[in-house]
N, C-alpha and C. Protein backbone atom coordinates (compact mmCIF):
# COMPACT_ATOMS: atom_id res chain seq x y z
N SER A 1 -23.76 -31.62 23.28
CA SER A 1 -24.90 -30.74 23.45
C SER A 1 -26.02 -31.16 22.50
N THR A 2 -27.19 -30.66 22.76
CA THR A 2 -28.36 -31.00 21.94
C THR A 2 -28.19 -30.51 20.51
N VAL A 3 -27.64 -29.31 20.34
CA VAL A 3 -27.44 -28.75 19.00
C VAL A 3 -26.49 -29.63 18.20
N SER A 4 -25.42 -30.09 18.82
CA SER A 4 -24.46 -30.96 18.12
C SER A 4 -25.12 -32.25 17.67
N LYS A 5 -25.97 -32.82 18.52
CA LYS A 5 -26.65 -34.06 18.16
C LYS A 5 -27.61 -33.85 17.00
N ILE A 6 -28.33 -32.73 17.01
CA ILE A 6 -29.25 -32.42 15.90
C ILE A 6 -28.46 -32.24 14.61
N ASN A 7 -27.34 -31.51 14.68
CA ASN A 7 -26.49 -31.31 13.50
C ASN A 7 -26.00 -32.64 12.94
N GLU A 8 -25.56 -33.53 13.81
CA GLU A 8 -25.07 -34.84 13.37
C GLU A 8 -26.18 -35.62 12.66
N GLN A 9 -27.39 -35.57 13.20
CA GLN A 9 -28.51 -36.29 12.58
C GLN A 9 -28.84 -35.71 11.21
N LEU A 10 -28.85 -34.39 11.10
CA LEU A 10 -29.19 -33.75 9.83
C LEU A 10 -28.12 -34.00 8.77
N LEU A 11 -26.85 -34.03 9.17
CA LEU A 11 -25.77 -34.26 8.21
C LEU A 11 -25.85 -35.64 7.57
N GLN A 12 -26.46 -36.59 8.25
CA GLN A 12 -26.60 -37.95 7.71
C GLN A 12 -27.45 -37.97 6.44
N TYR A 13 -28.29 -36.97 6.25
CA TYR A 13 -29.20 -36.94 5.10
C TYR A 13 -28.59 -36.26 3.88
N LEU A 14 -27.42 -35.65 4.03
CA LEU A 14 -26.78 -34.99 2.89
C LEU A 14 -26.06 -36.01 2.03
N PRO A 15 -26.17 -35.89 0.70
CA PRO A 15 -25.50 -36.84 -0.18
C PRO A 15 -23.99 -36.58 -0.23
N GLY A 16 -23.26 -37.57 -0.69
CA GLY A 16 -21.81 -37.43 -0.84
C GLY A 16 -21.08 -37.81 0.42
N SER A 17 -19.78 -37.62 0.38
CA SER A 17 -18.97 -37.95 1.54
C SER A 17 -18.48 -36.66 2.20
N PRO A 18 -18.29 -36.72 3.50
CA PRO A 18 -17.89 -35.50 4.21
C PRO A 18 -16.41 -35.19 4.04
N HIS A 19 -16.09 -33.95 4.25
CA HIS A 19 -14.70 -33.52 4.34
C HIS A 19 -14.49 -33.12 5.80
N ILE A 20 -13.47 -33.64 6.42
CA ILE A 20 -13.22 -33.37 7.84
C ILE A 20 -12.16 -32.28 7.96
N TYR A 21 -12.49 -31.25 8.72
CA TYR A 21 -11.54 -30.19 9.03
C TYR A 21 -11.23 -30.26 10.52
N LYS A 22 -9.96 -30.30 10.87
CA LYS A 22 -9.56 -30.31 12.27
C LYS A 22 -8.94 -28.97 12.61
N SER A 23 -9.31 -28.46 13.77
CA SER A 23 -8.80 -27.16 14.20
C SER A 23 -7.36 -27.27 14.69
N VAL A 24 -6.73 -26.12 14.76
CA VAL A 24 -5.42 -25.99 15.39
C VAL A 24 -5.66 -25.15 16.63
N ASP A 25 -5.53 -25.77 17.80
CA ASP A 25 -5.80 -25.09 19.07
C ASP A 25 -4.50 -24.78 19.78
N THR A 26 -4.36 -23.53 20.23
CA THR A 26 -3.13 -23.11 20.89
C THR A 26 -3.43 -22.23 22.10
N ILE A 27 -2.47 -22.17 22.99
CA ILE A 27 -2.51 -21.28 24.15
C ILE A 27 -1.55 -20.13 23.85
N PRO A 28 -2.05 -18.88 23.82
CA PRO A 28 -1.16 -17.76 23.51
C PRO A 28 -0.08 -17.51 24.58
N ASP A 29 -0.41 -17.77 25.84
CA ASP A 29 0.54 -17.53 26.93
C ASP A 29 1.52 -18.71 27.02
N THR A 30 2.76 -18.47 26.68
CA THR A 30 3.76 -19.55 26.62
C THR A 30 3.98 -20.23 27.97
N GLU A 31 3.70 -19.53 29.06
CA GLU A 31 3.86 -20.14 30.39
C GLU A 31 2.80 -21.21 30.65
N ASP A 32 1.63 -21.09 30.03
CA ASP A 32 0.54 -22.04 30.26
C ASP A 32 0.55 -23.23 29.30
N VAL A 33 1.40 -23.22 28.31
CA VAL A 33 1.40 -24.27 27.29
C VAL A 33 1.60 -25.66 27.91
N VAL A 34 2.49 -25.79 28.88
CA VAL A 34 2.74 -27.10 29.49
C VAL A 34 1.56 -27.58 30.32
N ASN A 35 0.75 -26.65 30.82
CA ASN A 35 -0.39 -27.03 31.67
C ASN A 35 -1.60 -27.49 30.86
N TYR A 36 -1.68 -27.09 29.60
CA TYR A 36 -2.85 -27.40 28.77
C TYR A 36 -2.40 -28.00 27.45
N PRO A 37 -2.22 -29.32 27.40
CA PRO A 37 -1.74 -29.95 26.16
C PRO A 37 -2.76 -29.81 25.03
N THR A 38 -2.27 -29.94 23.82
CA THR A 38 -3.11 -29.79 22.63
C THR A 38 -4.31 -30.73 22.67
N GLU A 39 -4.12 -31.96 23.13
CA GLU A 39 -5.22 -32.93 23.18
C GLU A 39 -6.35 -32.42 24.08
N PHE A 40 -5.99 -31.76 25.18
CA PHE A 40 -7.00 -31.20 26.07
C PHE A 40 -7.76 -30.08 25.36
N LEU A 41 -7.04 -29.18 24.70
CA LEU A 41 -7.68 -28.07 23.99
C LEU A 41 -8.59 -28.60 22.89
N ASN A 42 -8.16 -29.65 22.18
CA ASN A 42 -8.98 -30.25 21.13
C ASN A 42 -10.28 -30.81 21.69
N SER A 43 -10.29 -31.25 22.93
CA SER A 43 -11.48 -31.85 23.53
C SER A 43 -12.52 -30.82 23.96
N LEU A 44 -12.14 -29.55 24.02
CA LEU A 44 -13.06 -28.50 24.47
C LEU A 44 -14.09 -28.19 23.39
N ASP A 45 -15.30 -27.84 23.83
CA ASP A 45 -16.39 -27.50 22.91
C ASP A 45 -17.11 -26.26 23.43
N PRO A 46 -16.42 -25.10 23.46
CA PRO A 46 -17.03 -23.89 24.01
C PRO A 46 -18.13 -23.34 23.09
N LEU A 47 -19.10 -22.68 23.71
CA LEU A 47 -20.18 -22.06 22.94
C LEU A 47 -19.61 -21.02 21.99
N GLY A 48 -20.15 -20.96 20.79
CA GLY A 48 -19.75 -19.96 19.83
C GLY A 48 -18.55 -20.32 18.98
N LEU A 49 -17.98 -21.51 19.19
CA LEU A 49 -16.85 -21.95 18.38
C LEU A 49 -17.21 -23.25 17.68
N PRO A 50 -16.66 -23.46 16.49
CA PRO A 50 -16.88 -24.76 15.84
C PRO A 50 -16.14 -25.85 16.62
N PRO A 51 -16.56 -27.09 16.47
CA PRO A 51 -15.86 -28.18 17.16
C PRO A 51 -14.47 -28.39 16.58
N HIS A 52 -13.63 -29.09 17.33
CA HIS A 52 -12.27 -29.40 16.85
C HIS A 52 -12.34 -30.19 15.54
N ARG A 53 -13.25 -31.12 15.46
CA ARG A 53 -13.41 -31.96 14.26
C ARG A 53 -14.71 -31.53 13.58
N LEU A 54 -14.59 -30.74 12.53
CA LEU A 54 -15.75 -30.20 11.82
C LEU A 54 -15.99 -31.00 10.55
N GLU A 55 -17.17 -31.57 10.45
CA GLU A 55 -17.54 -32.42 9.31
C GLU A 55 -18.45 -31.62 8.39
N LEU A 56 -18.00 -31.41 7.15
CA LEU A 56 -18.78 -30.63 6.18
C LEU A 56 -19.05 -31.43 4.91
N TYR A 57 -20.20 -31.19 4.34
CA TYR A 57 -20.59 -31.75 3.05
C TYR A 57 -20.88 -30.58 2.12
N VAL A 58 -20.77 -30.81 0.82
CA VAL A 58 -21.26 -29.81 -0.13
C VAL A 58 -22.76 -29.69 0.13
N GLY A 59 -23.25 -28.48 0.23
CA GLY A 59 -24.66 -28.25 0.52
C GLY A 59 -24.95 -28.01 1.99
N THR A 60 -23.94 -28.13 2.85
CA THR A 60 -24.15 -27.91 4.28
C THR A 60 -24.40 -26.43 4.54
N PRO A 61 -25.50 -26.09 5.22
CA PRO A 61 -25.70 -24.70 5.64
C PRO A 61 -24.73 -24.39 6.79
N VAL A 62 -24.12 -23.22 6.74
CA VAL A 62 -23.20 -22.79 7.80
C VAL A 62 -23.52 -21.35 8.16
N MET A 63 -23.04 -20.93 9.33
CA MET A 63 -23.24 -19.56 9.78
C MET A 63 -21.88 -18.92 10.01
N LEU A 64 -21.70 -17.72 9.52
CA LEU A 64 -20.45 -16.99 9.68
C LEU A 64 -20.31 -16.58 11.14
N LEU A 65 -19.17 -16.87 11.76
CA LEU A 65 -18.95 -16.57 13.17
C LEU A 65 -18.21 -15.26 13.40
N ARG A 66 -17.74 -14.64 12.34
CA ARG A 66 -17.05 -13.36 12.47
C ARG A 66 -17.33 -12.53 11.23
N SER A 67 -17.53 -11.23 11.42
CA SER A 67 -17.78 -10.33 10.30
C SER A 67 -16.53 -10.24 9.44
N LEU A 68 -16.71 -10.43 8.12
CA LEU A 68 -15.60 -10.36 7.19
C LEU A 68 -15.67 -9.12 6.31
N ASP A 69 -16.88 -8.75 5.91
CA ASP A 69 -17.08 -7.62 5.00
C ASP A 69 -18.43 -6.98 5.29
N PRO A 70 -18.54 -6.26 6.43
CA PRO A 70 -19.83 -5.64 6.74
C PRO A 70 -20.21 -4.65 5.64
N PRO A 71 -21.45 -4.47 5.30
CA PRO A 71 -22.63 -5.02 5.96
C PRO A 71 -23.11 -6.35 5.37
N THR A 72 -22.46 -6.89 4.34
CA THR A 72 -22.99 -8.11 3.74
C THR A 72 -22.51 -9.38 4.43
N LEU A 73 -21.23 -9.52 4.65
CA LEU A 73 -20.70 -10.73 5.29
C LEU A 73 -20.44 -10.46 6.76
N CYS A 74 -21.53 -10.47 7.54
CA CYS A 74 -21.48 -10.15 8.96
C CYS A 74 -21.62 -11.40 9.81
N ASN A 75 -21.23 -11.27 11.06
CA ASN A 75 -21.44 -12.33 12.03
C ASN A 75 -22.91 -12.76 11.97
N GLY A 76 -23.15 -14.04 11.77
CA GLY A 76 -24.52 -14.56 11.69
C GLY A 76 -25.03 -14.74 10.28
N ALA A 77 -24.29 -14.29 9.26
CA ALA A 77 -24.73 -14.47 7.87
C ALA A 77 -24.80 -15.96 7.56
N ARG A 78 -25.84 -16.36 6.86
CA ARG A 78 -26.02 -17.77 6.51
C ARG A 78 -25.45 -18.03 5.13
N LEU A 79 -24.66 -19.09 5.03
CA LEU A 79 -23.98 -19.46 3.80
C LEU A 79 -24.21 -20.95 3.54
N VAL A 80 -23.90 -21.39 2.34
CA VAL A 80 -23.98 -22.80 2.00
C VAL A 80 -22.65 -23.21 1.39
N VAL A 81 -22.09 -24.31 1.85
CA VAL A 81 -20.81 -24.80 1.32
C VAL A 81 -21.03 -25.21 -0.13
N LYS A 82 -20.25 -24.61 -1.02
CA LYS A 82 -20.37 -24.89 -2.45
C LYS A 82 -19.29 -25.87 -2.90
N LYS A 83 -18.10 -25.68 -2.39
CA LYS A 83 -16.96 -26.55 -2.69
C LYS A 83 -16.17 -26.70 -1.41
N MET A 84 -15.46 -27.80 -1.32
CA MET A 84 -14.54 -27.91 -0.19
C MET A 84 -13.43 -26.90 -0.43
N MET A 85 -12.60 -26.69 0.50
CA MET A 85 -11.68 -25.57 0.54
C MET A 85 -12.45 -24.35 1.03
N LEU A 86 -13.65 -24.60 1.50
CA LEU A 86 -14.54 -23.62 2.10
C LEU A 86 -14.97 -22.50 1.16
N GLN A 87 -15.15 -22.80 -0.11
CA GLN A 87 -15.79 -21.82 -0.97
C GLN A 87 -17.28 -21.96 -0.72
N VAL A 88 -17.91 -20.87 -0.39
CA VAL A 88 -19.32 -20.92 -0.02
C VAL A 88 -20.10 -19.97 -0.89
N THR A 89 -21.38 -20.21 -1.00
CA THR A 89 -22.23 -19.28 -1.73
C THR A 89 -23.20 -18.64 -0.76
N LEU A 90 -23.38 -17.38 -0.87
CA LEU A 90 -24.25 -16.64 0.03
C LEU A 90 -25.70 -16.83 -0.37
N ARG A 91 -26.58 -17.04 0.56
CA ARG A 91 -27.99 -17.26 0.26
C ARG A 91 -28.70 -15.96 -0.11
N MET A 92 -28.18 -14.88 0.32
CA MET A 92 -28.80 -13.61 0.00
C MET A 92 -27.76 -12.71 -0.66
N TRP A 93 -28.08 -11.48 -0.92
CA TRP A 93 -27.20 -10.53 -1.58
C TRP A 93 -26.77 -11.05 -2.95
N LYS A 94 -27.76 -11.41 -3.74
CA LYS A 94 -27.57 -11.78 -5.15
C LYS A 94 -26.79 -13.07 -5.34
N ARG A 95 -26.79 -13.93 -4.37
CA ARG A 95 -26.19 -15.26 -4.48
C ARG A 95 -24.75 -15.22 -4.97
N ARG A 96 -24.02 -14.23 -4.57
CA ARG A 96 -22.62 -14.15 -5.00
C ARG A 96 -21.77 -15.15 -4.24
N ASP A 97 -20.72 -15.62 -4.88
CA ASP A 97 -19.79 -16.56 -4.26
C ASP A 97 -18.77 -15.79 -3.44
N VAL A 98 -18.47 -16.32 -2.28
CA VAL A 98 -17.43 -15.72 -1.43
C VAL A 98 -16.48 -16.82 -0.99
N PHE A 99 -15.25 -16.48 -0.78
CA PHE A 99 -14.23 -17.43 -0.34
C PHE A 99 -13.83 -17.07 1.08
N THR A 100 -13.91 -18.01 2.00
CA THR A 100 -13.50 -17.74 3.37
C THR A 100 -12.32 -18.63 3.74
N LEU A 101 -11.44 -18.10 4.54
CA LEU A 101 -10.29 -18.83 5.05
C LEU A 101 -10.54 -19.19 6.50
N ARG A 102 -9.69 -20.01 7.06
CA ARG A 102 -9.79 -20.30 8.48
C ARG A 102 -9.49 -19.02 9.25
N ILE A 103 -10.32 -18.74 10.22
CA ILE A 103 -10.21 -17.50 10.97
C ILE A 103 -9.91 -17.84 12.43
N PRO A 104 -8.90 -17.23 13.03
CA PRO A 104 -8.63 -17.49 14.45
C PRO A 104 -9.80 -16.99 15.30
N LEU A 105 -10.25 -17.83 16.21
CA LEU A 105 -11.35 -17.48 17.11
C LEU A 105 -10.91 -17.74 18.55
N ILE A 106 -11.29 -16.84 19.45
CA ILE A 106 -11.00 -16.98 20.87
C ILE A 106 -12.34 -16.99 21.60
N PRO A 107 -12.63 -18.02 22.40
CA PRO A 107 -13.91 -18.05 23.11
C PRO A 107 -14.01 -16.88 24.07
N MET A 108 -15.16 -16.23 24.06
CA MET A 108 -15.39 -15.08 24.93
C MET A 108 -16.31 -15.49 26.07
N GLY A 109 -16.08 -14.92 27.24
CA GLY A 109 -16.95 -15.15 28.37
C GLY A 109 -16.72 -16.47 29.07
N ALA A 110 -15.72 -17.21 28.67
CA ALA A 110 -15.46 -18.50 29.32
C ALA A 110 -14.84 -18.24 30.69
N GLU A 111 -15.35 -18.92 31.68
CA GLU A 111 -14.86 -18.79 33.04
C GLU A 111 -13.75 -19.82 33.27
N THR A 112 -12.64 -19.64 32.60
CA THR A 112 -11.53 -20.58 32.72
C THR A 112 -10.25 -19.83 33.08
N PRO A 113 -9.29 -20.51 33.68
CA PRO A 113 -8.04 -19.84 34.06
C PRO A 113 -7.07 -19.66 32.90
N TYR A 114 -7.50 -19.97 31.68
CA TYR A 114 -6.61 -19.89 30.52
C TYR A 114 -7.40 -19.33 29.34
N THR A 115 -6.66 -18.84 28.36
CA THR A 115 -7.25 -18.39 27.11
C THR A 115 -6.66 -19.25 26.02
N PHE A 116 -7.50 -19.70 25.09
CA PHE A 116 -6.96 -20.47 23.98
C PHE A 116 -7.53 -19.95 22.67
N ARG A 117 -6.86 -20.29 21.60
CA ARG A 117 -7.24 -19.83 20.26
C ARG A 117 -7.48 -21.04 19.38
N ARG A 118 -8.57 -21.00 18.61
CA ARG A 118 -8.91 -22.09 17.69
C ARG A 118 -8.90 -21.52 16.27
N VAL A 119 -8.11 -22.18 15.40
CA VAL A 119 -8.05 -21.78 13.99
C VAL A 119 -8.54 -22.95 13.18
């Protein structure tokens, strides 16, 4: 997508070396697991989800995709990666440091015959 290409171009200007995070993609319905192998799920790039292979640098701006602590850490909050292990610093609310873990996400509104989860 165009957004992915712009992100890739902008990341080239950040100093340092990237840290690569790979998602764990699964099908919750055990009957569908044989029909949708992990490699296929990894290749999907649905709207609203991070890619399977996420490349981050210290200083990378990121957006929170799920509310963690409303009203401050809400869906759409802008953060900056401070350390790998996903410790991020909030740009607003007194620049406090917050620690986020990998959060399971399920694409919504996808017109597909299966549901999958990306962590």
